[in-house]
Full PDB file with SEQRES, HELIX, SHEET, SSBOND, CRYST1, ORIGX, SCALE, CONECT and MASTER records, all heavy atoms in Angstrom:
SEQRES   1 A   32  ALA GLU THR GLU LEU GLN ARG ARG SER ALA LEU ALA LEU          
SEQRES   2 A   32  ALA GLY GLY ALA LEU SER ARG GLN VAL GLY ASP TRP ARG          
SEQRES   3 A   32  GLU ARG LEU LEU MET LEU                                      
HELIX    1 AA1 GLU A    4  ALA A   14  1                                  11    
HELIX    2 AA2 ALA A   17  MET A   31  1                                  15    
CRYST1    1.000    1.000    1.000  90.00  90.00  90.00 P 1           1          
ORIGX1      1.000000  0.000000  0.000000        0.00000                         
ORIGX2      0.000000  1.000000  0.000000        0.00000                         
ORIGX3      0.000000  0.000000  1.000000        0.00000                         
SCALE1      1.000000  0.000000  0.000000        0.00000                         
SCALE2      0.000000  1.000000  0.000000        0.00000                         
SCALE3      0.000000  0.000000  1.000000        0.00000                         
ATOM      1  N   ALA A   1     248.066 214.298  38.228  1.00  0.00           N  
ATOM      2  CA  ALA A   1     248.041 214.977  36.924  1.00  0.00           C  
ATOM      3  C   ALA A   1     248.450 216.455  37.022  1.00  0.00           C  
ATOM      4  O   ALA A   1     247.945 217.216  37.885  1.00  0.00           O  
ATOM      5  CB  ALA A   1     246.635 214.853  36.313  1.00  0.00           C  
ATOM      6  N   GLU A   2     249.291 216.965  36.165  1.00  0.00           N  
ATOM      7  CA  GLU A   2     249.758 218.308  36.180  1.00  0.00           C  
ATOM      8  C   GLU A   2     249.349 219.101  34.901  1.00  0.00           C  
ATOM      9  O   GLU A   2     249.467 220.255  34.806  1.00  0.00           O  
ATOM     10  CB  GLU A   2     251.194 218.417  36.305  1.00  0.00           C  
ATOM     11  CG  GLU A   2     251.746 217.906  37.669  1.00  0.00           C  
ATOM     12  CD  GLU A   2     253.200 217.941  37.833  1.00  0.00           C  
ATOM     13  OE1 GLU A   2     253.844 218.375  36.854  1.00  0.00           O  
ATOM     14  OE2 GLU A   2     253.771 217.727  38.925  1.00  0.00           O  
ATOM     15  N   THR A   3     248.934 218.355  33.811  1.00  0.00           N  
ATOM     16  CA  THR A   3     248.560 219.013  32.617  1.00  0.00           C  
ATOM     17  C   THR A   3     247.188 218.488  32.143  1.00  0.00           C  
ATOM     18  O   THR A   3     246.674 217.491  32.659  1.00  0.00           O  
ATOM     19  CB  THR A   3     249.575 218.720  31.466  1.00  0.00           C  
ATOM     20  OG1 THR A   3     249.509 217.284  31.137  1.00  0.00           O  
ATOM     21  CG2 THR A   3     250.967 219.117  31.907  1.00  0.00           C  
ATOM     22  N   GLU A   4     246.531 219.131  31.200  1.00  0.00           N  
ATOM     23  CA  GLU A   4     245.260 218.792  30.652  1.00  0.00           C  
ATOM     24  C   GLU A   4     245.234 217.363  30.071  1.00  0.00           C  
ATOM     25  O   GLU A   4     244.260 216.649  30.319  1.00  0.00           O  
ATOM     26  CB  GLU A   4     244.755 219.841  29.706  1.00  0.00           C  
ATOM     27  CG  GLU A   4     243.386 219.540  29.121  1.00  0.00           C  
ATOM     28  CD  GLU A   4     242.262 219.548  30.134  1.00  0.00           C  
ATOM     29  OE1 GLU A   4     242.475 220.081  31.288  1.00  0.00           O  
ATOM     30  OE2 GLU A   4     241.150 219.183  29.868  1.00  0.00           O  
ATOM     31  N   LEU A   5     246.289 217.081  29.359  1.00  0.00           N  
ATOM     32  CA  LEU A   5     246.279 215.754  28.755  1.00  0.00           C  
ATOM     33  C   LEU A   5     246.473 214.651  29.759  1.00  0.00           C  
ATOM     34  O   LEU A   5     245.826 213.599  29.628  1.00  0.00           O  
ATOM     35  CB  LEU A   5     247.480 215.585  27.767  1.00  0.00           C  
ATOM     36  CG  LEU A   5     247.356 216.131  26.345  1.00  0.00           C  
ATOM     37  CD1 LEU A   5     248.533 215.892  25.524  1.00  0.00           C  
ATOM     38  CD2 LEU A   5     246.169 215.459  25.679  1.00  0.00           C  
ATOM     39  N   GLN A   6     247.243 214.873  30.774  1.00  0.00           N  
ATOM     40  CA  GLN A   6     247.339 213.892  31.900  1.00  0.00           C  
ATOM     41  C   GLN A   6     245.998 213.744  32.584  1.00  0.00           C  
ATOM     42  O   GLN A   6     245.520 212.641  32.920  1.00  0.00           O  
ATOM     43  CB  GLN A   6     248.391 214.329  32.919  1.00  0.00           C  
ATOM     44  CG  GLN A   6     249.790 214.202  32.382  1.00  0.00           C  
ATOM     45  CD  GLN A   6     250.768 214.816  33.368  1.00  0.00           C  
ATOM     46  OE1 GLN A   6     250.758 216.024  33.690  1.00  0.00           O  
ATOM     47  NE2 GLN A   6     251.701 213.996  33.892  1.00  0.00           N  
ATOM     48  N   ARG A   7     245.298 214.884  32.820  1.00  0.00           N  
ATOM     49  CA  ARG A   7     243.973 214.824  33.444  1.00  0.00           C  
ATOM     50  C   ARG A   7     243.010 214.004  32.672  1.00  0.00           C  
ATOM     51  O   ARG A   7     242.284 213.110  33.206  1.00  0.00           O  
ATOM     52  CB  ARG A   7     243.480 216.184  33.704  1.00  0.00           C  
ATOM     53  CG  ARG A   7     242.138 216.307  34.526  1.00  0.00           C  
ATOM     54  CD  ARG A   7     241.564 217.638  34.460  1.00  0.00           C  
ATOM     55  NE  ARG A   7     241.031 217.992  33.109  1.00  0.00           N  
ATOM     56  CZ  ARG A   7     239.878 217.620  32.579  1.00  0.00           C  
ATOM     57  NH1 ARG A   7     239.025 216.814  33.330  1.00  0.00           N  
ATOM     58  NH2 ARG A   7     239.447 217.987  31.352  1.00  0.00           N  
ATOM     59  N   ARG A   8     242.955 214.225  31.338  1.00  0.00           N  
ATOM     60  CA  ARG A   8     241.933 213.558  30.442  1.00  0.00           C  
ATOM     61  C   ARG A   8     242.247 212.061  30.520  1.00  0.00           C  
ATOM     62  O   ARG A   8     241.371 211.302  30.574  1.00  0.00           O  
ATOM     63  CB  ARG A   8     242.115 214.100  29.095  1.00  0.00           C  
ATOM     64  CG  ARG A   8     241.483 215.551  28.901  1.00  0.00           C  
ATOM     65  CD  ARG A   8     241.604 215.912  27.407  1.00  0.00           C  
ATOM     66  NE  ARG A   8     241.185 217.211  27.142  1.00  0.00           N  
ATOM     67  CZ  ARG A   8     241.225 217.849  25.977  1.00  0.00           C  
ATOM     68  NH1 ARG A   8     241.666 217.166  24.905  1.00  0.00           N  
ATOM     69  NH2 ARG A   8     240.778 219.106  25.853  1.00  0.00           N  
ATOM     70  N   SER A   9     243.480 211.753  30.323  1.00  0.00           N  
ATOM     71  CA  SER A   9     243.891 210.335  30.258  1.00  0.00           C  
ATOM     72  C   SER A   9     243.545 209.636  31.626  1.00  0.00           C  
ATOM     73  O   SER A   9     243.000 208.499  31.673  1.00  0.00           O  
ATOM     74  CB  SER A   9     245.404 210.186  29.935  1.00  0.00           C  
ATOM     75  OG  SER A   9     245.807 208.797  30.074  1.00  0.00           O  
ATOM     76  N   ALA A  10     243.926 210.229  32.668  1.00  0.00           N  
ATOM     77  CA  ALA A  10     243.661 209.645  34.005  1.00  0.00           C  
ATOM     78  C   ALA A  10     242.200 209.466  34.311  1.00  0.00           C  
ATOM     79  O   ALA A  10     241.698 208.539  34.874  1.00  0.00           O  
ATOM     80  CB  ALA A  10     244.386 210.498  35.079  1.00  0.00           C  
ATOM     81  N   LEU A  11     241.444 210.520  33.870  1.00  0.00           N  
ATOM     82  CA  LEU A  11     239.983 210.484  34.066  1.00  0.00           C  
ATOM     83  C   LEU A  11     239.392 209.332  33.320  1.00  0.00           C  
ATOM     84  O   LEU A  11     238.450 208.576  33.759  1.00  0.00           O  
ATOM     85  CB  LEU A  11     239.330 211.744  33.570  1.00  0.00           C  
ATOM     86  CG  LEU A  11     237.995 212.152  34.234  1.00  0.00           C  
ATOM     87  CD1 LEU A  11     238.046 212.175  35.740  1.00  0.00           C  
ATOM     88  CD2 LEU A  11     237.511 213.498  33.714  1.00  0.00           C  
ATOM     89  N   ALA A  12     239.865 209.074  32.054  1.00  0.00           N  
ATOM     90  CA  ALA A  12     239.325 207.953  31.292  1.00  0.00           C  
ATOM     91  C   ALA A  12     239.688 206.640  31.888  1.00  0.00           C  
ATOM     92  O   ALA A  12     238.870 205.717  31.940  1.00  0.00           O  
ATOM     93  CB  ALA A  12     239.972 208.086  29.848  1.00  0.00           C  
ATOM     94  N   LEU A  13     240.907 206.554  32.428  1.00  0.00           N  
ATOM     95  CA  LEU A  13     241.356 205.306  33.053  1.00  0.00           C  
ATOM     96  C   LEU A  13     240.505 205.015  34.339  1.00  0.00           C  
ATOM     97  O   LEU A  13     240.071 203.927  34.608  1.00  0.00           O  
ATOM     98  CB  LEU A  13     242.837 205.364  33.321  1.00  0.00           C  
ATOM     99  CG  LEU A  13     243.511 204.042  33.716  1.00  0.00           C  
ATOM    100  CD1 LEU A  13     243.417 203.070  32.527  1.00  0.00           C  
ATOM    101  CD2 LEU A  13     245.035 204.337  33.971  1.00  0.00           C  
ATOM    102  N   ALA A  14     240.423 206.078  35.224  1.00  0.00           N  
ATOM    103  CA  ALA A  14     239.652 205.928  36.437  1.00  0.00           C  
ATOM    104  C   ALA A  14     238.223 205.631  36.161  1.00  0.00           C  
ATOM    105  O   ALA A  14     237.550 205.054  36.961  1.00  0.00           O  
ATOM    106  CB  ALA A  14     239.804 207.202  37.309  1.00  0.00           C  
ATOM    107  N   GLY A  15     237.668 206.196  34.996  1.00  0.00           N  
ATOM    108  CA  GLY A  15     236.311 205.933  34.711  1.00  0.00           C  
ATOM    109  C   GLY A  15     235.983 204.558  34.086  1.00  0.00           C  
ATOM    110  O   GLY A  15     234.876 204.283  33.794  1.00  0.00           O  
ATOM    111  N   GLY A  16     237.046 203.747  33.912  1.00  0.00           N  
ATOM    112  CA  GLY A  16     236.819 202.349  33.432  1.00  0.00           C  
ATOM    113  C   GLY A  16     236.960 202.191  31.992  1.00  0.00           C  
ATOM    114  O   GLY A  16     236.624 201.176  31.439  1.00  0.00           O  
ATOM    115  N   ALA A  17     237.555 203.170  31.211  1.00  0.00           N  
ATOM    116  CA  ALA A  17     237.713 202.968  29.799  1.00  0.00           C  
ATOM    117  C   ALA A  17     238.532 201.693  29.437  1.00  0.00           C  
ATOM    118  O   ALA A  17     238.110 200.947  28.603  1.00  0.00           O  
ATOM    119  CB  ALA A  17     238.328 204.176  29.180  1.00  0.00           C  
ATOM    120  N   LEU A  18     239.686 201.601  30.048  1.00  0.00           N  
ATOM    121  CA  LEU A  18     240.517 200.368  29.821  1.00  0.00           C  
ATOM    122  C   LEU A  18     239.835 199.121  30.403  1.00  0.00           C  
ATOM    123  O   LEU A  18     239.871 197.976  29.721  1.00  0.00           O  
ATOM    124  CB  LEU A  18     241.882 200.631  30.469  1.00  0.00           C  
ATOM    125  CG  LEU A  18     242.854 199.366  30.376  1.00  0.00           C  
ATOM    126  CD1 LEU A  18     243.107 198.963  28.878  1.00  0.00           C  
ATOM    127  CD2 LEU A  18     244.199 199.722  31.034  1.00  0.00           C  
ATOM    128  N   SER A  19     239.257 199.238  31.541  1.00  0.00           N  
ATOM    129  CA  SER A  19     238.619 198.026  32.167  1.00  0.00           C  
ATOM    130  C   SER A  19     237.545 197.533  31.337  1.00  0.00           C  
ATOM    131  O   SER A  19     237.402 196.273  31.141  1.00  0.00           O  
ATOM    132  CB  SER A  19     238.134 198.436  33.562  1.00  0.00           C  
ATOM    133  OG  SER A  19     239.147 198.957  34.425  1.00  0.00           O  
ATOM    134  N   ARG A  20     236.677 198.363  30.751  1.00  0.00           N  
ATOM    135  CA  ARG A  20     235.620 197.930  29.903  1.00  0.00           C  
ATOM    136  C   ARG A  20     236.219 197.246  28.636  1.00  0.00           C  
ATOM    137  O   ARG A  20     235.618 196.248  28.190  1.00  0.00           O  
ATOM    138  CB  ARG A  20     234.745 199.139  29.441  1.00  0.00           C  
ATOM    139  CG  ARG A  20     233.846 199.615  30.630  1.00  0.00           C  
ATOM    140  CD  ARG A  20     232.828 200.615  30.152  1.00  0.00           C  
ATOM    141  NE  ARG A  20     233.443 201.801  29.652  1.00  0.00           N  
ATOM    142  CZ  ARG A  20     233.766 202.849  30.512  1.00  0.00           C  
ATOM    143  NH1 ARG A  20     233.514 202.758  31.774  1.00  0.00           N  
ATOM    144  NH2 ARG A  20     234.281 204.022  30.010  1.00  0.00           N  
ATOM    145  N   GLN A  21     237.198 197.866  28.057  1.00  0.00           N  
ATOM    146  CA  GLN A  21     237.827 197.165  26.878  1.00  0.00           C  
ATOM    147  C   GLN A  21     238.437 195.860  27.144  1.00  0.00           C  
ATOM    148  O   GLN A  21     238.224 194.831  26.361  1.00  0.00           O  
ATOM    149  CB  GLN A  21     238.933 198.151  26.275  1.00  0.00           C  
ATOM    150  CG  GLN A  21     239.662 197.603  25.017  1.00  0.00           C  
ATOM    151  CD  GLN A  21     238.629 197.403  23.882  1.00  0.00           C  
ATOM    152  OE1 GLN A  21     238.314 198.391  23.152  1.00  0.00           O  
ATOM    153  NE2 GLN A  21     238.121 196.204  23.622  1.00  0.00           N  
ATOM    154  N   VAL A  22     239.148 195.711  28.254  1.00  0.00           N  
ATOM    155  CA  VAL A  22     239.720 194.447  28.673  1.00  0.00           C  
ATOM    156  C   VAL A  22     238.628 193.441  28.938  1.00  0.00           C  
ATOM    157  O   VAL A  22     238.707 192.274  28.658  1.00  0.00           O  
ATOM    158  CB  VAL A  22     240.701 194.639  29.864  1.00  0.00           C  
ATOM    159  CG1 VAL A  22     241.133 193.269  30.333  1.00  0.00           C  
ATOM    160  CG2 VAL A  22     241.899 195.480  29.481  1.00  0.00           C  
ATOM    161  N   GLY A  23     237.595 193.889  29.674  1.00  0.00           N  
ATOM    162  CA  GLY A  23     236.396 193.045  29.921  1.00  0.00           C  
ATOM    163  C   GLY A  23     235.805 192.479  28.690  1.00  0.00           C  
ATOM    164  O   GLY A  23     235.428 191.237  28.597  1.00  0.00           O  
ATOM    165  N   ASP A  24     235.709 193.303  27.606  1.00  0.00           N  
ATOM    166  CA  ASP A  24     235.101 192.900  26.366  1.00  0.00           C  
ATOM    167  C   ASP A  24     236.068 191.857  25.624  1.00  0.00           C  
ATOM    168  O   ASP A  24     235.639 190.806  25.208  1.00  0.00           O  
ATOM    169  CB  ASP A  24     234.884 194.088  25.400  1.00  0.00           C  
ATOM    170  CG  ASP A  24     234.537 193.647  24.033  1.00  0.00           C  
ATOM    171  OD1 ASP A  24     233.424 193.178  23.895  1.00  0.00           O  
ATOM    172  OD2 ASP A  24     235.331 193.864  23.126  1.00  0.00           O  
ATOM    173  N   TRP A  25     237.351 192.147  25.692  1.00  0.00           N  
ATOM    174  CA  TRP A  25     238.316 191.201  25.157  1.00  0.00           C  
ATOM    175  C   TRP A  25     238.243 189.851  25.848  1.00  0.00           C  
ATOM    176  O   TRP A  25     238.326 188.791  25.260  1.00  0.00           O  
ATOM    177  CB  TRP A  25     239.748 191.701  25.312  1.00  0.00           C  
ATOM    178  CG  TRP A  25     240.054 192.853  24.348  1.00  0.00           C  
ATOM    179  CD1 TRP A  25     239.388 193.174  23.189  1.00  0.00           C  
ATOM    180  CD2 TRP A  25     241.079 193.817  24.503  1.00  0.00           C  
ATOM    181  NE1 TRP A  25     240.001 194.289  22.544  1.00  0.00           N  
ATOM    182  CE2 TRP A  25     241.047 194.727  23.466  1.00  0.00           C  
ATOM    183  CE3 TRP A  25     242.019 194.074  25.504  1.00  0.00           C  
ATOM    184  CZ2 TRP A  25     241.845 195.811  23.324  1.00  0.00           C  
ATOM    185  CZ3 TRP A  25     242.905 195.170  25.373  1.00  0.00           C  
ATOM    186  CH2 TRP A  25     242.850 196.000  24.206  1.00  0.00           C  
ATOM    187  N   ARG A  26     238.156 189.901  27.206  1.00  0.00           N  
ATOM    188  CA  ARG A  26     238.118 188.682  27.963  1.00  0.00           C  
ATOM    189  C   ARG A  26     236.891 187.815  27.634  1.00  0.00           C  
ATOM    190  O   ARG A  26     236.933 186.583  27.600  1.00  0.00           O  
ATOM    191  CB  ARG A  26     238.151 188.986  29.457  1.00  0.00           C  
ATOM    192  CG  ARG A  26     238.360 187.865  30.341  1.00  0.00           C  
ATOM    193  CD  ARG A  26     238.490 188.251  31.759  1.00  0.00           C  
ATOM    194  NE  ARG A  26     238.886 187.136  32.675  1.00  0.00           N  
ATOM    195  CZ  ARG A  26     237.973 186.186  32.985  1.00  0.00           C  
ATOM    196  NH1 ARG A  26     236.733 186.229  32.628  1.00  0.00           N  
ATOM    197  NH2 ARG A  26     238.303 185.152  33.741  1.00  0.00           N  
ATOM    198  N   GLU A  27     235.690 188.505  27.503  1.00  0.00           N  
ATOM    199  CA  GLU A  27     234.515 187.691  27.187  1.00  0.00           C  
ATOM    200  C   GLU A  27     234.544 187.094  25.806  1.00  0.00           C  
ATOM    201  O   GLU A  27     234.174 185.957  25.657  1.00  0.00           O  
ATOM    202  CB  GLU A  27     233.266 188.730  27.246  1.00  0.00           C  
ATOM    203  CG  GLU A  27     232.900 189.188  28.618  1.00  0.00           C  
ATOM    204  CD  GLU A  27     232.469 188.005  29.513  1.00  0.00           C  
ATOM    205  OE1 GLU A  27     231.699 187.170  29.031  1.00  0.00           O  
ATOM    206  OE2 GLU A  27     232.976 187.888  30.670  1.00  0.00           O  
ATOM    207  N   ARG A  28     235.175 187.796  24.858  1.00  0.00           N  
ATOM    208  CA  ARG A  28     235.258 187.238  23.565  1.00  0.00           C  
ATOM    209  C   ARG A  28     236.322 186.038  23.590  1.00  0.00           C  
ATOM    210  O   ARG A  28     236.162 185.007  22.870  1.00  0.00           O  
ATOM    211  CB  ARG A  28     235.730 188.260  22.579  1.00  0.00           C  
ATOM    212  CG  ARG A  28     234.536 189.237  22.238  1.00  0.00           C  
ATOM    213  CD  ARG A  28     235.050 190.671  21.860  1.00  0.00           C  
ATOM    214  NE  ARG A  28     235.804 190.636  20.582  1.00  0.00           N  
ATOM    215  CZ  ARG A  28     236.419 191.728  20.120  1.00  0.00           C  
ATOM    216  NH1 ARG A  28     236.345 192.882  20.782  1.00  0.00           N  
ATOM    217  NH2 ARG A  28     237.030 191.740  18.934  1.00  0.00           N  
ATOM    218  N   LEU A  29     237.350 186.141  24.381  1.00  0.00           N  
ATOM    219  CA  LEU A  29     238.241 185.103  24.606  1.00  0.00           C  
ATOM    220  C   LEU A  29     237.614 183.843  25.124  1.00  0.00           C  
ATOM    221  O   LEU A  29     237.976 182.694  24.827  1.00  0.00           O  
ATOM    222  CB  LEU A  29     239.503 185.504  25.489  1.00  0.00           C  
ATOM    223  CG  LEU A  29     240.703 186.110  24.782  1.00  0.00           C  
ATOM    224  CD1 LEU A  29     241.709 186.486  25.822  1.00  0.00           C  
ATOM    225  CD2 LEU A  29     241.317 185.188  23.722  1.00  0.00           C  
ATOM    226  N   LEU A  30     236.738 184.053  26.159  1.00  0.00           N  
ATOM    227  CA  LEU A  30     236.050 182.933  26.727  1.00  0.00           C  
ATOM    228  C   LEU A  30     235.240 182.159  25.682  1.00  0.00           C  
ATOM    229  O   LEU A  30     235.206 180.950  25.735  1.00  0.00           O  
ATOM    230  CB  LEU A  30     235.104 183.440  27.917  1.00  0.00           C  
ATOM    231  CG  LEU A  30     235.823 183.841  29.170  1.00  0.00           C  
ATOM    232  CD1 LEU A  30     234.796 184.450  30.122  1.00  0.00           C  
ATOM    233  CD2 LEU A  30     236.504 182.612  29.816  1.00  0.00           C  
ATOM    234  N   MET A  31     234.561 182.886  24.803  1.00  0.00           N  
ATOM    235  CA  MET A  31     233.840 182.297  23.730  1.00  0.00           C  
ATOM    236  C   MET A  31     234.747 181.415  22.771  1.00  0.00           C  
ATOM    237  O   MET A  31     234.434 180.347  22.402  1.00  0.00           O  
ATOM    238  CB  MET A  31     233.076 183.263  22.899  1.00  0.00           C  
ATOM    239  CG  MET A  31     232.004 184.054  23.710  1.00  0.00           C  
ATOM    240  SD  MET A  31     230.668 182.957  24.335  1.00  0.00           S  
ATOM    241  CE  MET A  31     229.925 182.549  22.840  1.00  0.00           C  
ATOM    242  N   LEU A  32     235.922 182.070  22.463  1.00  0.00           N  
ATOM    243  CA  LEU A  32     236.842 181.288  21.647  1.00  0.00           C  
ATOM    244  C   LEU A  32     237.432 180.120  22.368  1.00  0.00           C  
ATOM    245  O   LEU A  32     237.680 179.101  21.756  1.00  0.00           O  
ATOM    246  CB  LEU A  32     237.956 182.324  21.186  1.00  0.00           C  
ATOM    247  CG  LEU A  32     237.529 183.408  20.219  1.00  0.00           C  
ATOM    248  CD1 LEU A  32     238.647 184.398  20.097  1.00  0.00           C  
ATOM    249  CD2 LEU A  32     237.155 182.863  18.858  1.00  0.00           C  
TER     250      LEU A  32                                                      
MASTER        0    0    0    2    0    0    0    6  249    1    0    3          
END                                                                             
């Protein structure tokens, strides 16, 4: 990361923001 926006986005990704969302989608898919 070289800019503040890159840092924020990377920090959210490394902190599991996308992973948690995908995990939620996957659980709901399993129910369906």
